[in-house]
């Protein structure tokens, strides 16, 4: 199983992707063979209320790449609607283009949090999206960005990449973890914003407790009981 999804047969992985257009249908006019593009991985129904509102990322019938039963993009060829292909400028490599999707997720998260200059931000999860959330928080003006993870190597990478402070989590109660996090990273009264990129129950609970009064909490992938 992958979260709530049951894997009943083999699927191709990967949804963060970029590539070169090989061929197009007769009515395609936005891209042409040879164009270098980044791919948007979720194909919505285009018919439901959320799609009509322009919030197609909330479409309940989205066919999301590499989510069972839909195959991912780690293949020689992949069929995708033309408006879900984003042309890459000449100075952007395909490797960088593959990071467009996770970077867009990080930008959306920080916009939702309405991070302001001088604020203190804690990001749980030092994987690709968590590390990018640290970077975008810095771009938005956060003066202190704390990266949190249970794996020290990830934490050290995230700090080198973008975070100003790091914190290695350990097994303890959410109350004790939040207290230690605040004390060891100098948050004083707590974080202005907490972004959870893990979906793990201990992180969700600790993150809420690490907020200052009136702070903002966002979860990228909440799937556990709080």
C-alpha atoms as a PDB file:
ATOM      1  CA  UNK A   1       0.000   0.000   0.000  1.00  0.00           C
ATOM      2  CA  UNK A   2       1.047   3.614  -0.593  1.00  0.00           C
ATOM      3  CA  UNK A   3      -0.794   5.643   2.033  1.00  0.00           C
ATOM      4  CA  UNK A   4      -4.504   4.983   1.400  1.00  0.00           C
ATOM      5  CA  UNK A   5      -3.795   3.533  -2.057  1.00  0.00           C
ATOM      6  CA  UNK A   6      -3.488  -0.209  -2.597  1.00  0.00           C
ATOM      7  CA  UNK A   7      -0.923  -1.393  -5.102  1.00  0.00           C
ATOM      8  CA  UNK A   8      -2.380  -4.469  -6.786  1.00  0.00           C
ATOM      9  CA  UNK A   9       0.020  -4.576  -9.742  1.00  0.00           C
ATOM     10  CA  UNK A  10       3.334  -3.060 -10.789  1.00  0.00           C
ATOM     11  CA  UNK A  11       3.346   0.619 -11.748  1.00  0.00           C
ATOM     12  CA  UNK A  12       5.947   2.994 -13.151  1.00  0.00           C
ATOM     13  CA  UNK A  13       7.194   5.511 -10.591  1.00  0.00           C
ATOM     14  CA  UNK A  14       8.050   9.262 -10.580  1.00  0.00           C
ATOM     15  CA  UNK A  15       5.939  12.384 -10.973  1.00  0.00           C
ATOM     16  CA  UNK A  16       8.576  15.160 -10.840  1.00  0.00           C
ATOM     17  CA  UNK A  17       9.556  15.239 -14.484  1.00  0.00           C
ATOM     18  CA  UNK A  18      10.830  17.105 -17.513  1.00  0.00           C
ATOM     19  CA  UNK A  19      11.463  15.930 -21.044  1.00  0.00           C
ATOM     20  CA  UNK A  20      11.422  16.668 -24.762  1.00  0.00           C
ATOM     21  CA  UNK A  21       8.214  16.637 -26.810  1.00  0.00           C
ATOM     22  CA  UNK A  22       8.415  13.721 -29.243  1.00  0.00           C
ATOM     23  CA  UNK A  23       5.176  14.154 -31.190  1.00  0.00           C
ATOM     24  CA  UNK A  24       1.818  15.896 -30.904  1.00  0.00           C
ATOM     25  CA  UNK A  25      -1.804  15.446 -31.913  1.00  0.00           C
ATOM     26  CA  UNK A  26      -3.296  17.253 -34.897  1.00  0.00           C
ATOM     27  CA  UNK A  27      -5.015  19.919 -32.758  1.00  0.00           C
ATOM     28  CA  UNK A  28      -2.067  20.699 -30.479  1.00  0.00           C
ATOM     29  CA  UNK A  29      -0.870  24.282 -30.904  1.00  0.00           C
ATOM     30  CA  UNK A  30       0.895  25.124 -27.625  1.00  0.00           C
ATOM     31  CA  UNK A  31       3.935  22.863 -27.980  1.00  0.00           C
ATOM     32  CA  UNK A  32       5.780  21.218 -30.841  1.00  0.00           C
ATOM     33  CA  UNK A  33       8.215  18.323 -31.262  1.00  0.00           C
ATOM     34  CA  UNK A  34      11.609  19.242 -29.862  1.00  0.00           C
ATOM     35  CA  UNK A  35      10.303  21.582 -27.157  1.00  0.00           C
ATOM     36  CA  UNK A  36      11.816  21.033 -23.724  1.00  0.00           C
ATOM     37  CA  UNK A  37       9.088  20.992 -21.087  1.00  0.00           C
ATOM     38  CA  UNK A  38       8.382  20.399 -17.418  1.00  0.00           C
ATOM     39  CA  UNK A  39       5.334  18.247 -16.723  1.00  0.00           C
ATOM     40  CA  UNK A  40       2.442  18.998 -14.402  1.00  0.00           C
ATOM     41  CA  UNK A  41       1.637  15.557 -12.957  1.00  0.00           C
ATOM     42  CA  UNK A  42      -2.062  15.720 -12.045  1.00  0.00           C
ATOM     43  CA  UNK A  43      -4.693  15.496 -14.795  1.00  0.00           C
ATOM     44  CA  UNK A  44      -8.080  16.728 -13.455  1.00  0.00           C
ATOM     45  CA  UNK A  45     -11.549  15.923 -14.783  1.00  0.00           C
ATOM     46  CA  UNK A  46     -12.097  19.570 -15.908  1.00  0.00           C
ATOM     47  CA  UNK A  47     -15.834  19.160 -15.219  1.00  0.00           C
ATOM     48  CA  UNK A  48     -16.376  19.308 -11.434  1.00  0.00           C
ATOM     49  CA  UNK A  49     -17.056  22.429  -9.359  1.00  0.00           C
ATOM     50  CA  UNK A  50     -13.459  22.688  -8.150  1.00  0.00           C
ATOM     51  CA  UNK A  51     -12.156  22.511 -11.713  1.00  0.00           C
ATOM     52  CA  UNK A  52     -14.674  25.136 -12.851  1.00  0.00           C
ATOM     53  CA  UNK A  53     -13.457  27.396 -10.026  1.00  0.00           C
ATOM     54  CA  UNK A  54      -9.927  27.090 -11.354  1.00  0.00           C
ATOM     55  CA  UNK A  55      -8.860  25.029  -8.332  1.00  0.00           C
ATOM     56  CA  UNK A  56      -8.194  21.929 -10.365  1.00  0.00           C
ATOM     57  CA  UNK A  57      -5.580  20.795  -7.844  1.00  0.00           C
ATOM     58  CA  UNK A  58      -8.548  19.979  -5.572  1.00  0.00           C
ATOM     59  CA  UNK A  59     -10.358  17.869  -8.165  1.00  0.00           C
ATOM     60  CA  UNK A  60     -11.473  14.620  -6.463  1.00  0.00           C
ATOM     61  CA  UNK A  61     -11.071  12.699  -9.725  1.00  0.00           C
ATOM     62  CA  UNK A  62      -7.542  13.825 -10.553  1.00  0.00           C
ATOM     63  CA  UNK A  63      -5.440  11.165 -12.247  1.00  0.00           C
ATOM     64  CA  UNK A  64      -2.197  11.810 -10.413  1.00  0.00           C
ATOM     65  CA  UNK A  65       0.979  10.424 -11.898  1.00  0.00           C
ATOM     66  CA  UNK A  66       2.587   7.481 -10.060  1.00  0.00           C
ATOM     67  CA  UNK A  67      -0.398   7.131  -7.730  1.00  0.00           C
ATOM     68  CA  UNK A  68      -2.070   3.716  -8.057  1.00  0.00           C
ATOM     69  CA  UNK A  69      -3.488   2.760 -10.456  1.00  0.00           C
ATOM     70  CA  UNK A  70      -1.895   5.459 -12.650  1.00  0.00           C
ATOM     71  CA  UNK A  71       1.610   5.014 -14.024  1.00  0.00           C
ATOM     72  CA  UNK A  72       4.433   7.480 -13.437  1.00  0.00           C
ATOM     73  CA  UNK A  73       6.658   9.288 -15.900  1.00  0.00           C
ATOM     74  CA  UNK A  74       9.854   7.242 -15.546  1.00  0.00           C
ATOM     75  CA  UNK A  75       9.445   5.952 -19.078  1.00  0.00           C
ATOM     76  CA  UNK A  76      10.681   6.659 -22.583  1.00  0.00           C
ATOM     77  CA  UNK A  77       7.304   8.116 -23.598  1.00  0.00           C
ATOM     78  CA  UNK A  78       4.469   9.656 -21.593  1.00  0.00           C
ATOM     79  CA  UNK A  79       1.140  10.986 -22.911  1.00  0.00           C
ATOM     80  CA  UNK A  80      -0.003  14.275 -21.361  1.00  0.00           C
ATOM     81  CA  UNK A  81      -2.349  17.177 -22.310  1.00  0.00           C
ATOM     82  CA  UNK A  82      -0.561  20.090 -23.951  1.00  0.00           C
ATOM     83  CA  UNK A  83      -1.629  22.601 -21.298  1.00  0.00           C
ATOM     84  CA  UNK A  84       0.117  20.504 -18.662  1.00  0.00           C
ATOM     85  CA  UNK A  85       3.446  20.946 -20.441  1.00  0.00           C
ATOM     86  CA  UNK A  86       5.426  23.993 -19.315  1.00  0.00           C
ATOM     87  CA  UNK A  87       8.064  25.193 -21.779  1.00  0.00           C
ATOM     88  CA  UNK A  88      11.523  25.551 -20.274  1.00  0.00           C
ATOM     89  CA  UNK A  89      13.735  28.564 -21.054  1.00  0.00           C
ATOM     90  CA  UNK A  90      16.999  27.740 -22.815  1.00  0.00           C
ATOM     91  CA  UNK A  91      19.044  28.369 -19.668  1.00  0.00           C
ATOM     92  CA  UNK A  92      17.052  25.834 -17.592  1.00  0.00           C
ATOM     93  CA  UNK A  93      18.254  22.226 -17.829  1.00  0.00           C
ATOM     94  CA  UNK A  94      15.965  19.198 -17.850  1.00  0.00           C
ATOM     95  CA  UNK A  95      17.287  18.292 -14.402  1.00  0.00           C
ATOM     96  CA  UNK A  96      16.265  21.718 -13.118  1.00  0.00           C
ATOM     97  CA  UNK A  97      12.977  21.436 -14.988  1.00  0.00           C
ATOM     98  CA  UNK A  98      12.138  18.286 -13.042  1.00  0.00           C
ATOM     99  CA  UNK A  99      12.236  20.416  -9.886  1.00  0.00           C
ATOM    100  CA  UNK A 100       9.524  22.781 -11.138  1.00  0.00           C
ATOM    101  CA  UNK A 101       6.731  20.641  -9.657  1.00  0.00           C
ATOM    102  CA  UNK A 102       8.119  20.254  -6.103  1.00  0.00           C
ATOM    103  CA  UNK A 103       9.194  23.901  -6.117  1.00  0.00           C
ATOM    104  CA  UNK A 104       5.648  24.899  -7.083  1.00  0.00           C
ATOM    105  CA  UNK A 105       4.373  22.877  -4.111  1.00  0.00           C
ATOM    106  CA  UNK A 106       6.745  24.758  -1.799  1.00  0.00           C
ATOM    107  CA  UNK A 107       5.723  28.129  -3.230  1.00  0.00           C
ATOM    108  CA  UNK A 108       2.040  27.275  -2.798  1.00  0.00           C
ATOM    109  CA  UNK A 109       2.610  26.229   0.822  1.00  0.00           C
ATOM    110  CA  UNK A 110       4.479  29.400   1.749  1.00  0.00           C
ATOM    111  CA  UNK A 111       1.882  31.562   0.016  1.00  0.00           C
ATOM    112  CA  UNK A 112      -0.854  29.802   1.961  1.00  0.00           C
ATOM    113  CA  UNK A 113       1.070  30.557   5.160  1.00  0.00           C
ATOM    114  CA  UNK A 114       1.401  34.225   4.169  1.00  0.00           C
ATOM    115  CA  UNK A 115       4.951  34.313   5.525  1.00  0.00           C
ATOM    116  CA  UNK A 116       6.186  37.851   6.139  1.00  0.00           C
ATOM    117  CA  UNK A 117       9.686  39.341   6.476  1.00  0.00           C
ATOM    118  CA  UNK A 118      11.219  38.715   9.882  1.00  0.00           C
ATOM    119  CA  UNK A 119       9.020  35.765  10.819  1.00  0.00           C
ATOM    120  CA  UNK A 120      10.222  32.488  12.334  1.00  0.00           C
ATOM    121  CA  UNK A 121       9.330  29.327  10.434  1.00  0.00           C
ATOM    122  CA  UNK A 122       9.674  25.650  11.363  1.00  0.00           C
ATOM    123  CA  UNK A 123       9.555  23.027   8.597  1.00  0.00           C
ATOM    124  CA  UNK A 124       9.036  19.376   9.542  1.00  0.00           C
ATOM    125  CA  UNK A 125      10.582  17.008   7.019  1.00  0.00           C
ATOM    126  CA  UNK A 126      13.953  17.616   5.371  1.00  0.00           C
ATOM    127  CA  UNK A 127      13.243  15.777   2.147  1.00  0.00           C
ATOM    128  CA  UNK A 128      13.028  17.520  -1.242  1.00  0.00           C
ATOM    129  CA  UNK A 129       9.740  19.366  -0.606  1.00  0.00           C
ATOM    130  CA  UNK A 130      10.608  20.237   2.989  1.00  0.00           C
ATOM    131  CA  UNK A 131      13.998  21.604   1.967  1.00  0.00           C
ATOM    132  CA  UNK A 132      12.383  23.636  -0.811  1.00  0.00           C
ATOM    133  CA  UNK A 133       9.863  25.016   1.705  1.00  0.00           C
ATOM    134  CA  UNK A 134      12.853  26.198   3.746  1.00  0.00           C
ATOM    135  CA  UNK A 135      14.318  27.911   0.690  1.00  0.00           C
ATOM    136  CA  UNK A 136      11.076  29.596  -0.361  1.00  0.00           C
ATOM    137  CA  UNK A 137      10.448  30.749   3.219  1.00  0.00           C
ATOM    138  CA  UNK A 138      13.818  32.498   3.103  1.00  0.00           C
ATOM    139  CA  UNK A 139      12.872  34.099  -0.226  1.00  0.00           C
ATOM    140  CA  UNK A 140       9.651  35.354   1.365  1.00  0.00           C
ATOM    141  CA  UNK A 141      11.701  37.042   4.076  1.00  0.00           C
ATOM    142  CA  UNK A 142      11.678  34.659   7.048  1.00  0.00           C
ATOM    143  CA  UNK A 143      14.549  35.558   9.375  1.00  0.00           C
ATOM    144  CA  UNK A 144      14.729  32.151  11.045  1.00  0.00           C
ATOM    145  CA  UNK A 145      13.953  28.865   9.309  1.00  0.00           C
ATOM    146  CA  UNK A 146      14.297  25.667  11.330  1.00  0.00           C
ATOM    147  CA  UNK A 147      14.495  22.324   9.523  1.00  0.00           C
ATOM    148  CA  UNK A 148      13.355  19.261  11.497  1.00  0.00           C
ATOM    149  CA  UNK A 149      13.856  15.591  10.677  1.00  0.00           C
ATOM    150  CA  UNK A 150      14.724  12.303  12.367  1.00  0.00           C
ATOM    151  CA  UNK A 151      17.657  11.714   9.999  1.00  0.00           C
ATOM    152  CA  UNK A 152      20.653  13.886  10.818  1.00  0.00           C
ATOM    153  CA  UNK A 153      22.131  13.738   7.313  1.00  0.00           C
ATOM    154  CA  UNK A 154      18.928  15.190   5.861  1.00  0.00           C
ATOM    155  CA  UNK A 155      18.840  17.929   8.460  1.00  0.00           C
ATOM    156  CA  UNK A 156      22.432  18.903   7.731  1.00  0.00           C
ATOM    157  CA  UNK A 157      21.743  19.033   3.991  1.00  0.00           C
ATOM    158  CA  UNK A 158      18.641  21.197   4.476  1.00  0.00           C
ATOM    159  CA  UNK A 159      20.598  23.584   6.686  1.00  0.00           C
ATOM    160  CA  UNK A 160      23.398  23.844   4.147  1.00  0.00           C
ATOM    161  CA  UNK A 161      20.840  24.308   1.374  1.00  0.00           C
ATOM    162  CA  UNK A 162      18.528  26.910   2.924  1.00  0.00           C
ATOM    163  CA  UNK A 163      17.612  26.620   6.619  1.00  0.00           C
ATOM    164  CA  UNK A 164      19.184  28.850   9.268  1.00  0.00           C
ATOM    165  CA  UNK A 165      18.768  26.342  12.105  1.00  0.00           C
ATOM    166  CA  UNK A 166      18.429  22.577  12.380  1.00  0.00           C
ATOM    167  CA  UNK A 167      16.857  20.186  14.844  1.00  0.00           C
ATOM    168  CA  UNK A 168      17.114  16.393  14.932  1.00  0.00           C
ATOM    169  CA  UNK A 169      13.929  14.884  16.337  1.00  0.00           C
ATOM    170  CA  UNK A 170      13.956  11.905  18.676  1.00  0.00           C
ATOM    171  CA  UNK A 171      11.408   9.647  20.335  1.00  0.00           C
ATOM    172  CA  UNK A 172       9.641  11.617  23.069  1.00  0.00           C
ATOM    173  CA  UNK A 173       6.213  13.041  23.796  1.00  0.00           C
ATOM    174  CA  UNK A 174       4.967  15.859  21.533  1.00  0.00           C
ATOM    175  CA  UNK A 175       4.941  18.174  24.557  1.00  0.00           C
ATOM    176  CA  UNK A 176       8.589  17.464  25.404  1.00  0.00           C
ATOM    177  CA  UNK A 177       9.626  17.606  21.755  1.00  0.00           C
ATOM    178  CA  UNK A 178       7.984  21.004  21.220  1.00  0.00           C
ATOM    179  CA  UNK A 179       9.543  22.399  24.391  1.00  0.00           C
ATOM    180  CA  UNK A 180      13.015  21.186  23.414  1.00  0.00           C
ATOM    181  CA  UNK A 181      12.594  22.442  19.843  1.00  0.00           C
ATOM    182  CA  UNK A 182      11.648  25.924  21.046  1.00  0.00           C
ATOM    183  CA  UNK A 183      14.487  26.077  23.569  1.00  0.00           C
ATOM    184  CA  UNK A 184      17.271  24.684  21.373  1.00  0.00           C
ATOM    185  CA  UNK A 185      16.460  26.828  18.342  1.00  0.00           C
ATOM    186  CA  UNK A 186      15.736  30.075  20.183  1.00  0.00           C
ATOM    187  CA  UNK A 187      12.101  30.399  19.161  1.00  0.00           C
ATOM    188  CA  UNK A 188      11.323  31.912  22.595  1.00  0.00           C
ATOM    189  CA  UNK A 189       7.499  32.072  22.420  1.00  0.00           C
ATOM    190  CA  UNK A 190       7.177  29.657  19.502  1.00  0.00           C
ATOM    191  CA  UNK A 191       7.165  29.722  15.712  1.00  0.00           C
ATOM    192  CA  UNK A 192       5.119  32.172  13.670  1.00  0.00           C
ATOM    193  CA  UNK A 193       4.527  29.446  11.093  1.00  0.00           C
ATOM    194  CA  UNK A 194       4.904  25.665  11.090  1.00  0.00           C
ATOM    195  CA  UNK A 195       4.887  23.755   7.804  1.00  0.00           C
ATOM    196  CA  UNK A 196       4.604  19.974   7.996  1.00  0.00           C
ATOM    197  CA  UNK A 197       5.857  18.104   4.939  1.00  0.00           C
ATOM    198  CA  UNK A 198       5.721  14.649   6.543  1.00  0.00           C
ATOM    199  CA  UNK A 199       2.129  13.785   7.410  1.00  0.00           C
ATOM    200  CA  UNK A 200       3.470  11.879  10.421  1.00  0.00           C
ATOM    201  CA  UNK A 201       1.355  12.052  13.572  1.00  0.00           C
ATOM    202  CA  UNK A 202       4.236  12.994  15.950  1.00  0.00           C
ATOM    203  CA  UNK A 203       5.277  15.847  13.636  1.00  0.00           C
ATOM    204  CA  UNK A 204       1.730  17.170  13.362  1.00  0.00           C
ATOM    205  CA  UNK A 205       1.261  17.168  17.129  1.00  0.00           C
ATOM    206  CA  UNK A 206       4.690  18.630  17.884  1.00  0.00           C
ATOM    207  CA  UNK A 207       4.287  21.269  15.194  1.00  0.00           C
ATOM    208  CA  UNK A 208       1.013  22.560  16.609  1.00  0.00           C
ATOM    209  CA  UNK A 209       2.504  22.728  20.101  1.00  0.00           C
ATOM    210  CA  UNK A 210       5.576  24.584  18.795  1.00  0.00           C
ATOM    211  CA  UNK A 211       3.472  27.472  17.457  1.00  0.00           C
ATOM    212  CA  UNK A 212       3.201  30.818  19.170  1.00  0.00           C
ATOM    213  CA  UNK A 213      -0.256  32.021  20.152  1.00  0.00           C
ATOM    214  CA  UNK A 214      -1.994  33.060  16.932  1.00  0.00           C
ATOM    215  CA  UNK A 215       0.558  31.282  14.750  1.00  0.00           C
ATOM    216  CA  UNK A 216      -0.136  29.531  11.449  1.00  0.00           C
ATOM    217  CA  UNK A 217       0.040  25.779  10.865  1.00  0.00           C
ATOM    218  CA  UNK A 218      -0.020  24.082   7.459  1.00  0.00           C
ATOM    219  CA  UNK A 219       0.174  20.397   6.634  1.00  0.00           C
ATOM    220  CA  UNK A 220       1.150  19.302   3.163  1.00  0.00           C
ATOM    221  CA  UNK A 221       0.000  15.716   3.526  1.00  0.00           C
ATOM    222  CA  UNK A 222      -1.943  15.186   6.760  1.00  0.00           C
ATOM    223  CA  UNK A 223      -3.005  11.554   6.877  1.00  0.00           C
ATOM    224  CA  UNK A 224      -2.808  10.724  10.573  1.00  0.00           C
ATOM    225  CA  UNK A 225      -5.005  11.272  13.588  1.00  0.00           C
ATOM    226  CA  UNK A 226      -4.097  14.490  15.385  1.00  0.00           C
END
